[in-house]
Amino acid sequence: MDYLDKEEKEIIESFDNDEWVSSGKEKRKEMEEAAKQSTLKNKRINIRLTEKDYHDIQVKAMEEGIPYQTLISSIIHKYNKGKLKSS
């Protein structure tokens, strides 16, 4: 396990020493539901872009290896969470 950093090794050691406690079935179900909801994309929107912006976003998406709709969705999500600031 030479490829693990110090923190990762400490986590594995802690787990091996039975220092971890289950948070219970109810908390697990709550977390599973939150994870499921975070991946649902159930709203559709239409936006108008300039030809240049549309082309540029497609190029960026190709560079990232993802569909351009996914890139746009990611940008909006990051902005909403405060991880992407407007200029």
N, C-alpha and C. Protein backbone atom coordinates (compact mmCIF):
# COMPACT_ATOMS: atom_id res chain seq x y z
N MET A 1 0.81 -1.19 0.00
CA MET A 1 0.00 0.00 0.00
C MET A 1 0.86 1.26 0.00
N ASP A 2 1.97 1.21 -0.69
CA ASP A 2 2.86 2.36 -0.75
C ASP A 2 2.24 3.53 -1.52
N TYR A 3 1.22 3.27 -2.30
CA TYR A 3 0.58 4.31 -3.10
C TYR A 3 -0.38 5.17 -2.29
N LEU A 4 -0.68 4.77 -1.05
CA LEU A 4 -1.59 5.54 -0.20
C LEU A 4 -0.84 6.63 0.54
N ASP A 5 -1.51 7.78 0.72
CA ASP A 5 -0.88 8.83 1.51
C ASP A 5 -1.13 8.58 3.01
N LYS A 6 -0.56 9.42 3.85
CA LYS A 6 -0.64 9.22 5.30
C LYS A 6 -2.08 9.19 5.79
N GLU A 7 -2.90 10.13 5.32
CA GLU A 7 -4.30 10.20 5.77
C GLU A 7 -5.07 8.95 5.37
N GLU A 8 -4.84 8.46 4.15
CA GLU A 8 -5.53 7.25 3.70
C GLU A 8 -5.12 6.04 4.54
N LYS A 9 -3.85 5.95 4.87
CA LYS A 9 -3.37 4.85 5.71
C LYS A 9 -4.00 4.91 7.10
N GLU A 10 -4.14 6.13 7.65
CA GLU A 10 -4.76 6.28 8.97
C GLU A 10 -6.22 5.86 8.94
N ILE A 11 -6.92 6.17 7.87
CA ILE A 11 -8.32 5.79 7.74
C ILE A 11 -8.45 4.26 7.69
N ILE A 12 -7.62 3.63 6.90
CA ILE A 12 -7.66 2.16 6.80
C ILE A 12 -7.33 1.53 8.15
N GLU A 13 -6.33 2.05 8.83
CA GLU A 13 -5.95 1.53 10.15
C GLU A 13 -7.10 1.69 11.14
N SER A 14 -7.74 2.84 11.12
CA SER A 14 -8.88 3.11 12.00
C SER A 14 -10.01 2.13 11.71
N PHE A 15 -10.28 1.89 10.45
CA PHE A 15 -11.34 0.95 10.08
C PHE A 15 -10.98 -0.47 10.53
N ASP A 16 -9.74 -0.87 10.29
CA ASP A 16 -9.28 -2.21 10.69
C ASP A 16 -9.35 -2.40 12.20
N ASN A 17 -9.22 -1.33 12.97
CA ASN A 17 -9.27 -1.40 14.44
C ASN A 17 -10.70 -1.28 14.98
N ASP A 18 -11.68 -1.41 14.09
CA ASP A 18 -13.10 -1.34 14.46
C ASP A 18 -13.46 -0.05 15.19
N GLU A 19 -12.87 1.06 14.76
CA GLU A 19 -13.17 2.35 15.38
C GLU A 19 -14.35 3.05 14.70
N TRP A 20 -14.92 2.44 13.70
CA TRP A 20 -16.03 3.04 12.96
C TRP A 20 -17.34 2.47 13.48
N VAL A 21 -18.36 3.31 13.56
CA VAL A 21 -19.67 2.90 14.06
C VAL A 21 -20.71 3.23 13.00
N SER A 22 -21.60 2.28 12.75
CA SER A 22 -22.66 2.50 11.78
C SER A 22 -23.60 3.58 12.28
N SER A 23 -24.08 4.41 11.36
CA SER A 23 -25.01 5.47 11.73
C SER A 23 -26.46 4.97 11.69
N GLY A 24 -26.67 3.73 11.37
CA GLY A 24 -28.00 3.14 11.40
C GLY A 24 -28.70 3.14 10.06
N LYS A 25 -29.74 2.31 9.99
CA LYS A 25 -30.48 2.13 8.74
C LYS A 25 -31.22 3.39 8.32
N GLU A 26 -31.79 4.10 9.30
CA GLU A 26 -32.55 5.31 8.97
C GLU A 26 -31.67 6.37 8.32
N LYS A 27 -30.49 6.60 8.88
CA LYS A 27 -29.56 7.58 8.32
C LYS A 27 -29.09 7.13 6.95
N ARG A 28 -28.87 5.82 6.79
CA ARG A 28 -28.44 5.29 5.50
C ARG A 28 -29.49 5.55 4.44
N LYS A 29 -30.78 5.29 4.77
CA LYS A 29 -31.85 5.53 3.81
C LYS A 29 -31.93 7.01 3.46
N GLU A 30 -31.76 7.87 4.46
CA GLU A 30 -31.79 9.32 4.22
C GLU A 30 -30.68 9.73 3.26
N MET A 31 -29.49 9.20 3.47
CA MET A 31 -28.35 9.53 2.61
C MET A 31 -28.53 8.96 1.20
N GLU A 32 -29.09 7.75 1.10
CA GLU A 32 -29.34 7.16 -0.21
C GLU A 32 -30.34 8.00 -0.99
N GLU A 33 -31.39 8.47 -0.32
CA GLU A 33 -32.40 9.30 -0.98
C GLU A 33 -31.80 10.63 -1.43
N ALA A 34 -30.95 11.22 -0.59
CA ALA A 34 -30.29 12.48 -0.96
C ALA A 34 -29.40 12.28 -2.18
N ALA A 35 -28.68 11.16 -2.22
CA ALA A 35 -27.82 10.87 -3.36
C ALA A 35 -28.65 10.67 -4.63
N LYS A 36 -29.77 9.96 -4.50
CA LYS A 36 -30.64 9.73 -5.65
C LYS A 36 -31.20 11.05 -6.17
N GLN A 37 -31.65 11.91 -5.27
CA GLN A 37 -32.23 13.18 -5.67
C GLN A 37 -31.19 14.09 -6.34
N SER A 38 -29.94 13.97 -5.91
CA SER A 38 -28.90 14.84 -6.47
C SER A 38 -28.55 14.46 -7.91
N THR A 39 -28.92 13.25 -8.33
CA THR A 39 -28.61 12.83 -9.69
C THR A 39 -29.80 12.96 -10.63
N LEU A 40 -30.99 13.22 -10.08
CA LEU A 40 -32.17 13.37 -10.94
C LEU A 40 -32.10 14.68 -11.71
N LYS A 41 -32.35 14.59 -12.96
CA LYS A 41 -32.44 15.80 -13.79
C LYS A 41 -33.82 15.78 -14.41
N ASN A 42 -34.75 16.39 -13.70
CA ASN A 42 -36.14 16.28 -14.12
C ASN A 42 -36.75 17.59 -14.60
N LYS A 43 -35.95 18.61 -14.77
CA LYS A 43 -36.45 19.88 -15.28
C LYS A 43 -35.73 20.22 -16.57
N ARG A 44 -36.50 20.67 -17.54
CA ARG A 44 -35.94 21.04 -18.83
C ARG A 44 -36.07 22.55 -19.01
N ILE A 45 -35.04 23.17 -19.55
CA ILE A 45 -35.10 24.61 -19.84
C ILE A 45 -34.64 24.84 -21.27
N ASN A 46 -35.03 25.96 -21.81
CA ASN A 46 -34.55 26.39 -23.12
C ASN A 46 -33.83 27.71 -22.93
N ILE A 47 -32.66 27.83 -23.53
CA ILE A 47 -31.92 29.09 -23.45
C ILE A 47 -31.46 29.48 -24.85
N ARG A 48 -31.28 30.75 -25.05
CA ARG A 48 -30.76 31.25 -26.32
C ARG A 48 -29.31 31.66 -26.11
N LEU A 49 -28.45 31.21 -27.00
CA LEU A 49 -27.03 31.53 -26.96
C LEU A 49 -26.61 32.13 -28.29
N THR A 50 -25.55 32.90 -28.24
CA THR A 50 -24.97 33.34 -29.51
C THR A 50 -24.34 32.13 -30.18
N GLU A 51 -24.19 32.20 -31.47
CA GLU A 51 -23.56 31.10 -32.22
C GLU A 51 -22.15 30.83 -31.67
N LYS A 52 -21.42 31.90 -31.36
CA LYS A 52 -20.06 31.75 -30.83
C LYS A 52 -20.06 31.06 -29.47
N ASP A 53 -20.93 31.49 -28.55
CA ASP A 53 -20.99 30.85 -27.24
C ASP A 53 -21.37 29.38 -27.37
N TYR A 54 -22.34 29.09 -28.24
CA TYR A 54 -22.75 27.71 -28.47
C TYR A 54 -21.58 26.86 -28.97
N HIS A 55 -20.85 27.39 -29.94
CA HIS A 55 -19.69 26.67 -30.49
C HIS A 55 -18.62 26.49 -29.41
N ASP A 56 -18.33 27.57 -28.68
CA ASP A 56 -17.29 27.50 -27.65
C ASP A 56 -17.62 26.49 -26.55
N ILE A 57 -18.88 26.42 -26.14
CA ILE A 57 -19.25 25.47 -25.09
C ILE A 57 -19.15 24.04 -25.62
N GLN A 58 -19.46 23.84 -26.90
CA GLN A 58 -19.31 22.52 -27.48
C GLN A 58 -17.83 22.10 -27.53
N VAL A 59 -16.97 23.04 -27.88
CA VAL A 59 -15.54 22.76 -27.92
C VAL A 59 -15.03 22.41 -26.53
N LYS A 60 -15.41 23.22 -25.51
CA LYS A 60 -14.99 22.94 -24.13
C LYS A 60 -15.48 21.56 -23.69
N ALA A 61 -16.71 21.23 -24.02
CA ALA A 61 -17.26 19.93 -23.64
C ALA A 61 -16.48 18.79 -24.29
N MET A 62 -16.13 18.96 -25.57
CA MET A 62 -15.33 17.94 -26.24
C MET A 62 -13.97 17.78 -25.58
N GLU A 63 -13.36 18.91 -25.19
CA GLU A 63 -12.08 18.85 -24.50
C GLU A 63 -12.19 18.09 -23.18
N GLU A 64 -13.33 18.26 -22.50
CA GLU A 64 -13.56 17.58 -21.22
C GLU A 64 -14.06 16.14 -21.41
N GLY A 65 -14.49 15.83 -22.62
CA GLY A 65 -15.00 14.48 -22.91
C GLY A 65 -16.39 14.24 -22.36
N ILE A 66 -17.20 15.30 -22.29
CA ILE A 66 -18.56 15.17 -21.79
C ILE A 66 -19.53 15.86 -22.75
N PRO A 67 -20.81 15.49 -22.70
CA PRO A 67 -21.79 16.19 -23.54
C PRO A 67 -21.91 17.66 -23.14
N TYR A 68 -22.20 18.52 -24.10
CA TYR A 68 -22.24 19.95 -23.80
C TYR A 68 -23.37 20.30 -22.83
N GLN A 69 -24.49 19.54 -22.87
CA GLN A 69 -25.56 19.80 -21.91
C GLN A 69 -25.10 19.52 -20.49
N THR A 70 -24.29 18.49 -20.32
CA THR A 70 -23.76 18.15 -19.00
C THR A 70 -22.83 19.26 -18.52
N LEU A 71 -22.02 19.80 -19.41
CA LEU A 71 -21.13 20.89 -19.04
C LEU A 71 -21.92 22.12 -18.61
N ILE A 72 -22.95 22.47 -19.35
CA ILE A 72 -23.78 23.62 -19.00
C ILE A 72 -24.45 23.39 -17.64
N SER A 73 -24.97 22.20 -17.43
CA SER A 73 -25.61 21.86 -16.15
C SER A 73 -24.61 21.97 -15.00
N SER A 74 -23.39 21.51 -15.23
CA SER A 74 -22.34 21.58 -14.21
C SER A 74 -21.98 23.03 -13.88
N ILE A 75 -21.89 23.85 -14.90
CA ILE A 75 -21.58 25.27 -14.69
C ILE A 75 -22.66 25.94 -13.85
N ILE A 76 -23.92 25.68 -14.18
CA ILE A 76 -25.03 26.25 -13.42
C ILE A 76 -25.00 25.75 -11.97
N HIS A 77 -24.78 24.46 -11.79
CA HIS A 77 -24.73 23.89 -10.44
C HIS A 77 -23.60 24.53 -9.61
N LYS A 78 -22.42 24.64 -10.19
CA LYS A 78 -21.29 25.23 -9.48
C LYS A 78 -21.57 26.69 -9.12
N TYR A 79 -22.18 27.42 -10.02
CA TYR A 79 -22.52 28.82 -9.76
C TYR A 79 -23.51 28.91 -8.60
N ASN A 80 -24.53 28.07 -8.62
CA ASN A 80 -25.54 28.07 -7.56
C ASN A 80 -24.95 27.71 -6.19
N LYS A 81 -23.93 26.89 -6.17
CA LYS A 81 -23.30 26.48 -4.91
C LYS A 81 -22.18 27.42 -4.48
N GLY A 82 -21.96 28.49 -5.25
CA GLY A 82 -20.94 29.46 -4.89
C GLY A 82 -19.53 29.03 -5.25
N LYS A 83 -19.40 27.98 -6.04
CA LYS A 83 -18.07 27.49 -6.43
C LYS A 83 -17.60 28.09 -7.74
N LEU A 84 -18.47 28.85 -8.38
CA LEU A 84 -18.14 29.51 -9.64
C LEU A 84 -18.63 30.95 -9.51
N LYS A 85 -17.73 31.88 -9.59
CA LYS A 85 -18.08 33.28 -9.39
C LYS A 85 -18.20 33.99 -10.72
N SER A 86 -19.14 34.93 -10.79
CA SER A 86 -19.26 35.74 -11.99
C SER A 86 -18.14 36.78 -12.00
N SER A 87 -17.79 37.24 -13.16
CA SER A 87 -16.70 38.21 -13.24
C SER A 87 -17.18 39.63 -13.15
